[in-house]
Amino acid sequence: MNKLLCFFLIMVSAVSIRAGEYVVNRDKPNLVKFVSDAPIEDFEGVTDRIDGYIFWEGDNLLENSEIYFEVDLNAVDTGIGLRNRHMRENYLHTDKYPFTHFKGQLVKAIKLNEDEYQVRVSGKMFIHGVEKDIEVPGTIAKAGEDGYHIKCEFQILLSDYNIEIPSIMFYKIDETMDLQLDFYVTKTQETE
């Protein structure tokens, strides 16, 4: 029985090594940004605290692909300490929901040139205790020998995630939030 188990584990490892599995490279200049419009002042929140992975089999980005990314909402900085605290405590409730995450798969990939693809991912976005189906357009571009640079920009409605729309001096912020992700992934290291 132990020989059979060892054989199975070797086969699973071999499949993983051949597959294209990439994890967020924390040594690169990763950026997650949300932009909010308000009648008086636009503001944005930024963080580099993104983690996750992207996986596909062989040379086909769409073959058995899987994507998972998460962002630490307690690390989002709007540039004003009091606004950060209000955002975390009164609107995002990061004591209960410290992370937002997306899990899905690549559903479309168009080769733009030798090193870049225009892609579409479909999956579930989790924010503030609510999970919603979304599709997100983006690009995946080769970055060095063993990595990719991923960019995407999309919008969410705060009300879709049961987030109260904040007001600034009696002016409500637009309930549409622009999200911009710009980050790097690197191939997982082969293990012996």
N, C-alpha and C. Protein backbone atom coordinates (compact mmCIF):
# COMPACT_ATOMS: atom_id res chain seq x y z
N MET A 1 0.82 -1.19 0.00
CA MET A 1 0.00 0.00 0.00
C MET A 1 0.87 1.26 0.00
N ASN A 2 1.98 1.26 0.77
CA ASN A 2 2.85 2.42 0.80
C ASN A 2 3.49 2.69 -0.55
N LYS A 3 3.84 1.62 -1.32
CA LYS A 3 4.41 1.80 -2.64
C LYS A 3 3.40 2.46 -3.58
N LEU A 4 2.14 2.06 -3.47
CA LEU A 4 1.10 2.65 -4.30
C LEU A 4 0.92 4.12 -3.96
N LEU A 5 0.92 4.45 -2.67
CA LEU A 5 0.78 5.84 -2.23
C LEU A 5 1.97 6.67 -2.73
N CYS A 6 3.18 6.14 -2.61
CA CYS A 6 4.37 6.86 -3.10
C CYS A 6 4.29 7.11 -4.60
N PHE A 7 3.87 6.09 -5.37
CA PHE A 7 3.71 6.24 -6.82
C PHE A 7 2.71 7.35 -7.13
N PHE A 8 1.57 7.36 -6.43
CA PHE A 8 0.54 8.37 -6.65
C PHE A 8 1.08 9.76 -6.36
N LEU A 9 1.81 9.92 -5.25
CA LEU A 9 2.36 11.23 -4.91
C LEU A 9 3.39 11.68 -5.94
N ILE A 10 4.20 10.76 -6.45
CA ILE A 10 5.17 11.11 -7.49
C ILE A 10 4.45 11.57 -8.76
N MET A 11 3.39 10.87 -9.14
CA MET A 11 2.63 11.23 -10.34
C MET A 11 1.98 12.60 -10.17
N VAL A 12 1.40 12.88 -9.00
CA VAL A 12 0.79 14.20 -8.76
C VAL A 12 1.85 15.28 -8.84
N SER A 13 3.03 15.04 -8.25
CA SER A 13 4.11 16.02 -8.31
C SER A 13 4.56 16.27 -9.73
N ALA A 14 4.65 15.21 -10.52
CA ALA A 14 5.08 15.36 -11.91
C ALA A 14 4.10 16.20 -12.71
N VAL A 15 2.81 15.99 -12.47
CA VAL A 15 1.79 16.79 -13.16
C VAL A 15 1.92 18.25 -12.76
N SER A 16 2.14 18.52 -11.47
CA SER A 16 2.25 19.90 -10.99
C SER A 16 3.46 20.61 -11.59
N ILE A 17 4.56 19.87 -11.76
CA ILE A 17 5.77 20.49 -12.30
C ILE A 17 5.56 20.86 -13.76
N ARG A 18 4.90 20.03 -14.52
CA ARG A 18 4.66 20.32 -15.93
C ARG A 18 3.63 21.42 -16.12
N ALA A 19 2.75 21.55 -15.17
CA ALA A 19 1.69 22.56 -15.28
C ALA A 19 2.29 23.95 -15.09
N GLY A 20 1.58 24.95 -15.60
CA GLY A 20 2.00 26.33 -15.40
C GLY A 20 1.40 26.86 -14.12
N GLU A 21 2.13 26.74 -13.02
CA GLU A 21 1.63 27.24 -11.74
C GLU A 21 2.50 28.40 -11.30
N TYR A 22 1.88 29.54 -11.02
CA TYR A 22 2.59 30.76 -10.69
C TYR A 22 1.98 31.37 -9.44
N VAL A 23 2.81 31.93 -8.58
CA VAL A 23 2.36 32.57 -7.35
C VAL A 23 2.76 34.04 -7.38
N VAL A 24 2.05 34.85 -6.61
CA VAL A 24 2.37 36.27 -6.54
C VAL A 24 3.80 36.45 -6.07
N ASN A 25 4.55 37.25 -6.79
CA ASN A 25 5.94 37.55 -6.46
C ASN A 25 5.95 38.81 -5.59
N ARG A 26 6.16 38.63 -4.31
CA ARG A 26 6.10 39.75 -3.36
C ARG A 26 7.30 40.67 -3.44
N ASP A 27 8.32 40.26 -4.20
CA ASP A 27 9.50 41.11 -4.36
C ASP A 27 9.33 42.14 -5.48
N LYS A 28 8.25 42.06 -6.22
CA LYS A 28 7.98 42.98 -7.33
C LYS A 28 7.09 44.13 -6.85
N PRO A 29 6.99 45.21 -7.64
CA PRO A 29 6.16 46.36 -7.27
C PRO A 29 4.67 46.11 -7.56
N ASN A 30 4.03 45.28 -6.74
CA ASN A 30 2.61 44.96 -6.92
C ASN A 30 1.75 46.12 -6.42
N LEU A 31 0.60 46.31 -7.05
CA LEU A 31 -0.28 47.40 -6.67
C LEU A 31 -1.73 47.00 -6.83
N VAL A 32 -2.49 47.22 -5.78
CA VAL A 32 -3.95 47.09 -5.82
C VAL A 32 -4.48 48.46 -5.44
N LYS A 33 -5.37 48.99 -6.28
CA LYS A 33 -5.87 50.34 -6.04
C LYS A 33 -7.38 50.37 -6.23
N PHE A 34 -8.08 51.07 -5.34
CA PHE A 34 -9.48 51.37 -5.59
C PHE A 34 -9.62 52.88 -5.67
N VAL A 35 -10.46 53.31 -6.59
CA VAL A 35 -10.66 54.74 -6.82
C VAL A 35 -12.13 55.04 -6.62
N SER A 36 -12.40 56.07 -5.83
CA SER A 36 -13.77 56.46 -5.55
C SER A 36 -13.98 57.92 -5.93
N ASP A 37 -15.10 58.18 -6.56
CA ASP A 37 -15.46 59.55 -6.94
C ASP A 37 -16.42 60.13 -5.91
N ALA A 38 -16.20 61.37 -5.59
CA ALA A 38 -17.11 62.11 -4.71
C ALA A 38 -17.23 63.52 -5.30
N PRO A 39 -18.38 64.18 -5.09
CA PRO A 39 -18.54 65.52 -5.65
C PRO A 39 -17.47 66.51 -5.21
N ILE A 40 -16.99 66.37 -3.98
CA ILE A 40 -16.00 67.31 -3.48
C ILE A 40 -14.58 66.87 -3.81
N GLU A 41 -14.32 65.58 -3.64
CA GLU A 41 -12.95 65.11 -3.79
C GLU A 41 -12.94 63.63 -4.18
N ASP A 42 -12.12 63.31 -5.18
CA ASP A 42 -11.87 61.90 -5.48
C ASP A 42 -10.79 61.41 -4.52
N PHE A 43 -10.85 60.12 -4.18
CA PHE A 43 -9.74 59.58 -3.40
C PHE A 43 -9.53 58.14 -3.80
N GLU A 44 -8.37 57.65 -3.42
CA GLU A 44 -8.03 56.27 -3.74
C GLU A 44 -7.39 55.61 -2.54
N GLY A 45 -7.48 54.30 -2.52
CA GLY A 45 -6.81 53.49 -1.50
C GLY A 45 -5.88 52.54 -2.23
N VAL A 46 -4.69 52.34 -1.67
CA VAL A 46 -3.71 51.48 -2.33
C VAL A 46 -3.09 50.52 -1.33
N THR A 47 -2.64 49.39 -1.85
CA THR A 47 -1.87 48.43 -1.07
C THR A 47 -1.04 47.57 -2.03
N ASP A 48 0.00 47.00 -1.50
CA ASP A 48 0.77 46.01 -2.26
C ASP A 48 0.59 44.62 -1.67
N ARG A 49 -0.33 44.49 -0.72
CA ARG A 49 -0.56 43.23 -0.01
C ARG A 49 -1.56 42.34 -0.75
N ILE A 50 -1.09 41.76 -1.85
CA ILE A 50 -1.88 40.83 -2.64
C ILE A 50 -1.14 39.49 -2.61
N ASP A 51 -1.91 38.41 -2.55
CA ASP A 51 -1.33 37.08 -2.56
C ASP A 51 -2.22 36.18 -3.41
N GLY A 52 -1.68 35.05 -3.85
CA GLY A 52 -2.49 34.13 -4.61
C GLY A 52 -1.70 33.40 -5.67
N TYR A 53 -2.44 32.76 -6.58
CA TYR A 53 -1.80 31.95 -7.60
C TYR A 53 -2.65 31.92 -8.87
N ILE A 54 -2.01 31.51 -9.96
CA ILE A 54 -2.69 31.25 -11.23
C ILE A 54 -2.09 29.95 -11.77
N PHE A 55 -2.93 29.11 -12.34
CA PHE A 55 -2.51 27.79 -12.80
C PHE A 55 -3.19 27.45 -14.10
N TRP A 56 -2.44 26.82 -15.01
CA TRP A 56 -3.04 26.23 -16.20
C TRP A 56 -2.16 25.08 -16.64
N GLU A 57 -2.71 24.19 -17.43
CA GLU A 57 -1.95 23.03 -17.89
C GLU A 57 -1.39 23.29 -19.28
N GLY A 58 -0.17 22.86 -19.50
CA GLY A 58 0.44 22.93 -20.82
C GLY A 58 0.60 24.34 -21.34
N ASP A 59 0.48 24.47 -22.67
CA ASP A 59 0.67 25.76 -23.33
C ASP A 59 -0.63 26.53 -23.51
N ASN A 60 -1.74 25.94 -23.11
CA ASN A 60 -3.05 26.55 -23.30
C ASN A 60 -3.51 27.21 -22.01
N LEU A 61 -3.60 28.54 -22.02
CA LEU A 61 -4.03 29.26 -20.81
C LEU A 61 -5.41 28.84 -20.32
N LEU A 62 -6.24 28.33 -21.20
CA LEU A 62 -7.62 28.00 -20.84
C LEU A 62 -7.78 26.56 -20.35
N GLU A 63 -6.74 25.75 -20.48
CA GLU A 63 -6.87 24.34 -20.13
C GLU A 63 -6.75 24.13 -18.62
N ASN A 64 -7.86 23.74 -18.02
CA ASN A 64 -7.91 23.47 -16.57
C ASN A 64 -7.32 24.61 -15.76
N SER A 65 -7.64 25.84 -16.11
CA SER A 65 -7.08 26.98 -15.40
C SER A 65 -7.77 27.18 -14.06
N GLU A 66 -7.02 27.75 -13.17
CA GLU A 66 -7.55 28.10 -11.84
C GLU A 66 -6.83 29.35 -11.37
N ILE A 67 -7.59 30.27 -10.79
CA ILE A 67 -7.04 31.53 -10.32
C ILE A 67 -7.57 31.79 -8.92
N TYR A 68 -6.69 32.22 -8.04
CA TYR A 68 -7.12 32.65 -6.70
C TYR A 68 -6.22 33.80 -6.28
N PHE A 69 -6.84 34.92 -5.91
CA PHE A 69 -6.10 36.06 -5.39
C PHE A 69 -6.84 36.64 -4.21
N GLU A 70 -6.09 37.15 -3.23
CA GLU A 70 -6.69 37.80 -2.08
C GLU A 70 -5.91 39.05 -1.73
N VAL A 71 -6.63 40.01 -1.15
CA VAL A 71 -6.04 41.29 -0.77
C VAL A 71 -6.37 41.55 0.69
N ASP A 72 -5.36 41.97 1.45
CA ASP A 72 -5.51 42.31 2.86
C ASP A 72 -6.10 43.72 2.95
N LEU A 73 -7.37 43.81 3.34
CA LEU A 73 -8.04 45.11 3.38
C LEU A 73 -7.54 46.00 4.51
N ASN A 74 -6.94 45.41 5.55
CA ASN A 74 -6.38 46.22 6.63
C ASN A 74 -5.12 46.96 6.19
N ALA A 75 -4.57 46.59 5.04
CA ALA A 75 -3.36 47.24 4.53
C ALA A 75 -3.66 48.35 3.53
N VAL A 76 -4.94 48.54 3.16
CA VAL A 76 -5.30 49.58 2.19
C VAL A 76 -5.11 50.95 2.84
N ASP A 77 -4.39 51.82 2.16
CA ASP A 77 -4.09 53.15 2.68
C ASP A 77 -4.65 54.22 1.75
N THR A 78 -5.47 55.12 2.30
CA THR A 78 -6.06 56.21 1.52
C THR A 78 -5.25 57.50 1.64
N GLY A 79 -4.19 57.47 2.45
CA GLY A 79 -3.38 58.67 2.63
C GLY A 79 -3.77 59.49 3.84
N ILE A 80 -4.90 59.17 4.46
CA ILE A 80 -5.36 59.89 5.65
C ILE A 80 -5.73 58.86 6.71
N GLY A 81 -5.04 58.89 7.83
CA GLY A 81 -5.22 57.89 8.89
C GLY A 81 -6.65 57.77 9.38
N LEU A 82 -7.31 58.90 9.63
CA LEU A 82 -8.69 58.85 10.12
C LEU A 82 -9.62 58.23 9.08
N ARG A 83 -9.43 58.57 7.81
CA ARG A 83 -10.26 57.98 6.75
C ARG A 83 -10.01 56.47 6.66
N ASN A 84 -8.74 56.05 6.82
CA ASN A 84 -8.43 54.62 6.83
C ASN A 84 -9.21 53.91 7.93
N ARG A 85 -9.18 54.48 9.13
CA ARG A 85 -9.87 53.86 10.26
C ARG A 85 -11.38 53.81 10.03
N HIS A 86 -11.97 54.89 9.55
CA HIS A 86 -13.41 54.89 9.27
C HIS A 86 -13.76 53.88 8.19
N MET A 87 -12.94 53.80 7.14
CA MET A 87 -13.20 52.86 6.06
C MET A 87 -13.19 51.43 6.60
N ARG A 88 -12.19 51.10 7.41
CA ARG A 88 -12.07 49.74 7.95
C ARG A 88 -13.16 49.43 8.96
N GLU A 89 -13.42 50.35 9.88
CA GLU A 89 -14.35 50.07 10.98
C GLU A 89 -15.81 50.24 10.58
N ASN A 90 -16.13 51.30 9.82
CA ASN A 90 -17.53 51.64 9.58
C ASN A 90 -18.11 51.10 8.27
N TYR A 91 -17.26 50.78 7.30
CA TYR A 91 -17.77 50.39 5.99
C TYR A 91 -17.35 48.98 5.57
N LEU A 92 -16.06 48.67 5.68
CA LEU A 92 -15.59 47.34 5.27
C LEU A 92 -15.65 46.31 6.40
N HIS A 93 -15.71 46.78 7.64
CA HIS A 93 -15.78 45.90 8.82
C HIS A 93 -14.68 44.84 8.76
N THR A 94 -13.44 45.32 8.67
CA THR A 94 -12.32 44.41 8.50
C THR A 94 -12.04 43.55 9.73
N ASP A 95 -12.67 43.86 10.86
CA ASP A 95 -12.54 42.97 12.01
C ASP A 95 -13.22 41.63 11.71
N LYS A 96 -14.30 41.64 10.91
CA LYS A 96 -15.00 40.42 10.51
C LYS A 96 -14.58 39.92 9.14
N TYR A 97 -14.22 40.82 8.24
CA TYR A 97 -13.88 40.47 6.85
C TYR A 97 -12.55 41.10 6.47
N PRO A 98 -11.43 40.59 7.00
CA PRO A 98 -10.14 41.24 6.75
C PRO A 98 -9.61 41.10 5.33
N PHE A 99 -10.12 40.12 4.58
CA PHE A 99 -9.63 39.89 3.22
C PHE A 99 -10.78 39.93 2.22
N THR A 100 -10.46 40.36 1.02
CA THR A 100 -11.33 40.18 -0.12
C THR A 100 -10.62 39.18 -1.02
N HIS A 101 -11.37 38.35 -1.71
CA HIS A 101 -10.71 37.40 -2.60
C HIS A 101 -11.55 37.12 -3.85
N PHE A 102 -10.84 36.61 -4.85
CA PHE A 102 -11.45 36.22 -6.11
C PHE A 102 -10.97 34.82 -6.44
N LYS A 103 -11.90 33.95 -6.84
CA LYS A 103 -11.54 32.61 -7.29
C LYS A 103 -12.29 32.33 -8.57
N GLY A 104 -11.56 31.88 -9.60
CA GLY A 104 -12.21 31.62 -10.87
C GLY A 104 -11.29 30.93 -11.84
N GLN A 105 -11.58 31.16 -13.13
CA GLN A 105 -10.77 30.53 -14.18
C GLN A 105 -10.71 31.43 -15.40
N LEU A 106 -9.69 31.20 -16.20
CA LEU A 106 -9.56 31.92 -17.47
C LEU A 106 -10.60 31.35 -18.44
N VAL A 107 -11.38 32.24 -19.07
CA VAL A 107 -12.40 31.78 -20.02
C VAL A 107 -12.14 32.28 -21.43
N LYS A 108 -11.20 33.22 -21.57
CA LYS A 108 -10.88 33.75 -22.90
C LYS A 108 -9.43 34.22 -22.89
N ALA A 109 -8.70 33.91 -23.97
CA ALA A 109 -7.32 34.37 -24.10
C ALA A 109 -7.03 34.63 -25.57
N ILE A 110 -6.68 35.87 -25.88
CA ILE A 110 -6.34 36.26 -27.25
C ILE A 110 -4.89 36.72 -27.25
N LYS A 111 -4.08 36.08 -28.07
CA LYS A 111 -2.66 36.44 -28.15
C LYS A 111 -2.52 37.78 -28.88
N LEU A 112 -1.97 38.78 -28.19
CA LEU A 112 -1.78 40.10 -28.78
C LEU A 112 -0.44 40.19 -29.52
N ASN A 113 0.57 39.56 -28.95
CA ASN A 113 1.89 39.51 -29.57
C ASN A 113 2.64 38.33 -28.96
N GLU A 114 3.92 38.25 -29.20
CA GLU A 114 4.72 37.11 -28.74
C GLU A 114 4.66 36.91 -27.23
N ASP A 115 4.54 37.99 -26.49
CA ASP A 115 4.65 37.92 -25.03
C ASP A 115 3.41 38.36 -24.25
N GLU A 116 2.30 38.65 -24.92
CA GLU A 116 1.16 39.22 -24.20
C GLU A 116 -0.17 38.66 -24.68
N TYR A 117 -1.06 38.43 -23.72
CA TYR A 117 -2.41 37.95 -24.00
C TYR A 117 -3.43 38.90 -23.40
N GLN A 118 -4.51 39.09 -24.13
CA GLN A 118 -5.69 39.76 -23.56
C GLN A 118 -6.57 38.62 -23.04
N VAL A 119 -6.99 38.71 -21.79
CA VAL A 119 -7.71 37.61 -21.17
C VAL A 119 -9.02 38.08 -20.54
N ARG A 120 -9.87 37.12 -20.26
CA ARG A 120 -11.08 37.35 -19.48
C ARG A 120 -11.17 36.21 -18.48
N VAL A 121 -11.41 36.57 -17.22
CA VAL A 121 -11.57 35.57 -16.17
C VAL A 121 -13.00 35.63 -15.64
N SER A 122 -13.50 34.49 -15.25
CA SER A 122 -14.84 34.40 -14.70
C SER A 122 -14.75 33.69 -13.36
N GLY A 123 -15.45 34.23 -12.37
CA GLY A 123 -15.40 33.59 -11.06
C GLY A 123 -16.24 34.31 -10.04
N LYS A 124 -15.87 34.10 -8.79
CA LYS A 124 -16.62 34.67 -7.67
C LYS A 124 -15.74 35.64 -6.90
N MET A 125 -16.28 36.83 -6.68
CA MET A 125 -15.59 37.86 -5.90
C MET A 125 -16.24 37.90 -4.53
N PHE A 126 -15.43 37.86 -3.49
CA PHE A 126 -15.91 37.90 -2.10
C PHE A 126 -15.47 39.21 -1.48
N ILE A 127 -16.44 39.99 -1.04
CA ILE A 127 -16.17 41.25 -0.34
C ILE A 127 -17.22 41.39 0.75
N HIS A 128 -16.78 41.74 1.97
CA HIS A 128 -17.70 42.11 3.04
C HIS A 128 -18.75 41.03 3.31
N GLY A 129 -18.34 39.76 3.22
CA GLY A 129 -19.24 38.66 3.52
C GLY A 129 -20.17 38.25 2.39
N VAL A 130 -20.03 38.89 1.24
CA VAL A 130 -20.91 38.60 0.09
C VAL A 130 -20.06 38.08 -1.07
N GLU A 131 -20.56 37.05 -1.73
CA GLU A 131 -19.87 36.48 -2.88
C GLU A 131 -20.73 36.69 -4.12
N LYS A 132 -20.13 37.26 -5.17
CA LYS A 132 -20.86 37.55 -6.41
C LYS A 132 -20.09 37.01 -7.61
N ASP A 133 -20.85 36.53 -8.62
CA ASP A 133 -20.24 36.13 -9.88
C ASP A 133 -19.85 37.38 -10.67
N ILE A 134 -18.62 37.40 -11.17
CA ILE A 134 -18.17 38.52 -12.00
C ILE A 134 -17.27 37.99 -13.11
N GLU A 135 -17.12 38.80 -14.16
CA GLU A 135 -16.13 38.57 -15.20
C GLU A 135 -15.24 39.79 -15.26
N VAL A 136 -13.95 39.55 -15.42
CA VAL A 136 -12.97 40.63 -15.38
C VAL A 136 -12.06 40.53 -16.60
N PRO A 137 -11.90 41.63 -17.35
CA PRO A 137 -10.93 41.64 -18.45
C PRO A 137 -9.55 42.03 -17.93
N GLY A 138 -8.52 41.58 -18.64
CA GLY A 138 -7.18 41.95 -18.23
C GLY A 138 -6.15 41.55 -19.25
N THR A 139 -4.89 41.69 -18.86
CA THR A 139 -3.78 41.27 -19.72
C THR A 139 -2.79 40.45 -18.89
N ILE A 140 -2.16 39.50 -19.55
CA ILE A 140 -1.08 38.72 -18.97
C ILE A 140 0.09 38.85 -19.94
N ALA A 141 1.20 39.42 -19.44
CA ALA A 141 2.37 39.63 -20.28
C ALA A 141 3.58 38.94 -19.66
N LYS A 142 4.40 38.35 -20.50
CA LYS A 142 5.62 37.68 -20.04
C LYS A 142 6.49 38.70 -19.32
N ALA A 143 7.04 38.31 -18.17
CA ALA A 143 7.93 39.18 -17.39
C ALA A 143 9.13 38.35 -16.96
N GLY A 144 10.18 38.42 -17.71
CA GLY A 144 11.36 37.62 -17.41
C GLY A 144 11.18 36.18 -17.87
N GLU A 145 12.09 35.32 -17.45
CA GLU A 145 12.07 33.93 -17.89
C GLU A 145 10.99 33.10 -17.22
N ASP A 146 10.66 33.42 -15.98
CA ASP A 146 9.76 32.55 -15.23
C ASP A 146 8.60 33.29 -14.58
N GLY A 147 8.13 34.36 -15.21
CA GLY A 147 7.04 35.10 -14.59
C GLY A 147 6.16 35.84 -15.58
N TYR A 148 5.09 36.40 -15.05
CA TYR A 148 4.13 37.17 -15.84
C TYR A 148 3.73 38.43 -15.08
N HIS A 149 3.37 39.43 -15.84
CA HIS A 149 2.85 40.69 -15.31
C HIS A 149 1.37 40.71 -15.63
N ILE A 150 0.54 40.84 -14.62
CA ILE A 150 -0.92 40.78 -14.79
C ILE A 150 -1.51 42.15 -14.45
N LYS A 151 -2.39 42.61 -15.33
CA LYS A 151 -3.10 43.87 -15.10
C LYS A 151 -4.58 43.68 -15.39
N CYS A 152 -5.40 44.29 -14.57
CA CYS A 152 -6.84 44.32 -14.86
C CYS A 152 -7.46 45.54 -14.19
N GLU A 153 -8.57 45.95 -14.75
CA GLU A 153 -9.32 47.08 -14.21
C GLU A 153 -10.79 46.78 -14.41
N PHE A 154 -11.57 46.95 -13.35
CA PHE A 154 -13.00 46.67 -13.42
C PHE A 154 -13.72 47.46 -12.34
N GLN A 155 -15.02 47.43 -12.37
CA GLN A 155 -15.83 48.17 -11.42
C GLN A 155 -16.73 47.23 -10.64
N ILE A 156 -17.01 47.62 -9.40
CA ILE A 156 -18.01 46.92 -8.59
C ILE A 156 -18.97 47.97 -8.03
N LEU A 157 -20.14 47.52 -7.66
CA LEU A 157 -21.10 48.37 -6.96
C LEU A 157 -21.03 48.04 -5.48
N LEU A 158 -20.82 49.04 -4.65
CA LEU A 158 -20.74 48.81 -3.21
C LEU A 158 -22.00 48.15 -2.68
N SER A 159 -23.16 48.53 -3.22
CA SER A 159 -24.42 47.97 -2.74
C SER A 159 -24.53 46.47 -3.04
N ASP A 160 -23.85 45.98 -4.08
CA ASP A 160 -23.85 44.55 -4.37
C ASP A 160 -23.22 43.74 -3.25
N TYR A 161 -22.37 44.38 -2.47
CA TYR A 161 -21.65 43.69 -1.40
C TYR A 161 -22.09 44.18 -0.02
N ASN A 162 -23.27 44.76 0.04
CA ASN A 162 -23.85 45.24 1.30
C ASN A 162 -22.92 46.20 2.04
N ILE A 163 -22.25 47.07 1.28
CA ILE A 163 -21.39 48.09 1.88
C ILE A 163 -22.15 49.40 1.82
N GLU A 164 -22.33 50.00 2.97
CA GLU A 164 -23.00 51.30 3.04
C GLU A 164 -22.18 52.31 2.26
N ILE A 165 -22.85 53.15 1.51
CA ILE A 165 -22.14 54.15 0.71
C ILE A 165 -21.77 55.32 1.63
N PRO A 166 -20.48 55.54 1.82
CA PRO A 166 -20.04 56.61 2.72
C PRO A 166 -20.41 58.00 2.19
N SER A 167 -20.58 58.92 3.10
CA SER A 167 -20.81 60.31 2.70
C SER A 167 -19.73 61.18 3.31
N ILE A 168 -19.37 62.21 2.57
CA ILE A 168 -18.38 63.18 3.02
C ILE A 168 -19.09 64.53 3.07
N MET A 169 -19.24 65.07 4.24
CA MET A 169 -19.90 66.37 4.41
C MET A 169 -21.22 66.41 3.64
N PHE A 170 -22.05 65.43 3.84
CA PHE A 170 -23.40 65.32 3.27
C PHE A 170 -23.42 64.99 1.79
N TYR A 171 -22.25 64.80 1.16
CA TYR A 171 -22.19 64.38 -0.23
C TYR A 171 -21.84 62.90 -0.27
N LYS A 172 -22.66 62.13 -0.92
CA LYS A 172 -22.39 60.69 -1.01
C LYS A 172 -21.35 60.39 -2.07
N ILE A 173 -20.52 59.42 -1.75
CA ILE A 173 -19.55 58.92 -2.72
C ILE A 173 -20.31 58.06 -3.72
N ASP A 174 -19.87 58.06 -4.94
CA ASP A 174 -20.47 57.22 -5.97
C ASP A 174 -20.42 55.76 -5.52
N GLU A 175 -21.50 55.03 -5.72
CA GLU A 175 -21.51 53.64 -5.28
C GLU A 175 -20.69 52.74 -6.19
N THR A 176 -20.22 53.26 -7.33
CA THR A 176 -19.36 52.49 -8.22
C THR A 176 -17.91 52.70 -7.81
N MET A 177 -17.22 51.61 -7.55
CA MET A 177 -15.82 51.65 -7.14
C MET A 177 -14.99 51.07 -8.28
N ASP A 178 -13.97 51.81 -8.72
CA ASP A 178 -13.03 51.32 -9.73
C ASP A 178 -11.92 50.55 -9.04
N LEU A 179 -11.66 49.33 -9.48
CA LEU A 179 -10.58 48.52 -8.93
C LEU A 179 -9.52 48.32 -10.01
N GLN A 180 -8.27 48.52 -9.63
CA GLN A 180 -7.15 48.35 -10.55
C GLN A 180 -6.12 47.45 -9.89
N LEU A 181 -5.75 46.37 -10.57
CA LEU A 181 -4.74 45.45 -10.07
C LEU A 181 -3.60 45.40 -11.06
N ASP A 182 -2.38 45.48 -10.56
CA ASP A 182 -1.18 45.49 -11.37
C ASP A 182 -0.13 44.73 -10.55
N PHE A 183 0.11 43.45 -10.90
CA PHE A 183 0.98 42.64 -10.06
C PHE A 183 1.72 41.59 -10.88
N TYR A 184 2.66 40.94 -10.23
CA TYR A 184 3.54 39.98 -10.88
C TYR A 184 3.40 38.60 -10.24
N VAL A 185 3.50 37.58 -11.07
CA VAL A 185 3.53 36.20 -10.58
C VAL A 185 4.79 35.53 -11.12
N THR A 186 5.28 34.57 -10.35
CA THR A 186 6.49 33.85 -10.74
C THR A 186 6.23 32.35 -10.63
N LYS A 187 6.88 31.60 -11.47
CA LYS A 187 6.67 30.14 -11.50
C LYS A 187 7.09 29.53 -10.18
N THR A 188 6.28 28.59 -9.69
CA THR A 188 6.64 27.91 -8.45
C THR A 188 7.90 27.09 -8.68
N GLN A 189 8.68 26.98 -7.65
CA GLN A 189 9.95 26.24 -7.75
C GLN A 189 9.68 24.76 -7.77
N GLU A 190 10.39 24.06 -8.63
CA GLU A 190 10.28 22.60 -8.69
C GLU A 190 10.95 22.02 -7.44
N THR A 191 10.28 21.04 -6.86
CA THR A 191 10.85 20.39 -5.69
C THR A 191 11.34 19.01 -6.06
N GLU A 192 12.42 18.61 -5.44
CA GLU A 192 13.00 17.29 -5.73
C GLU A 192 12.28 16.24 -4.91
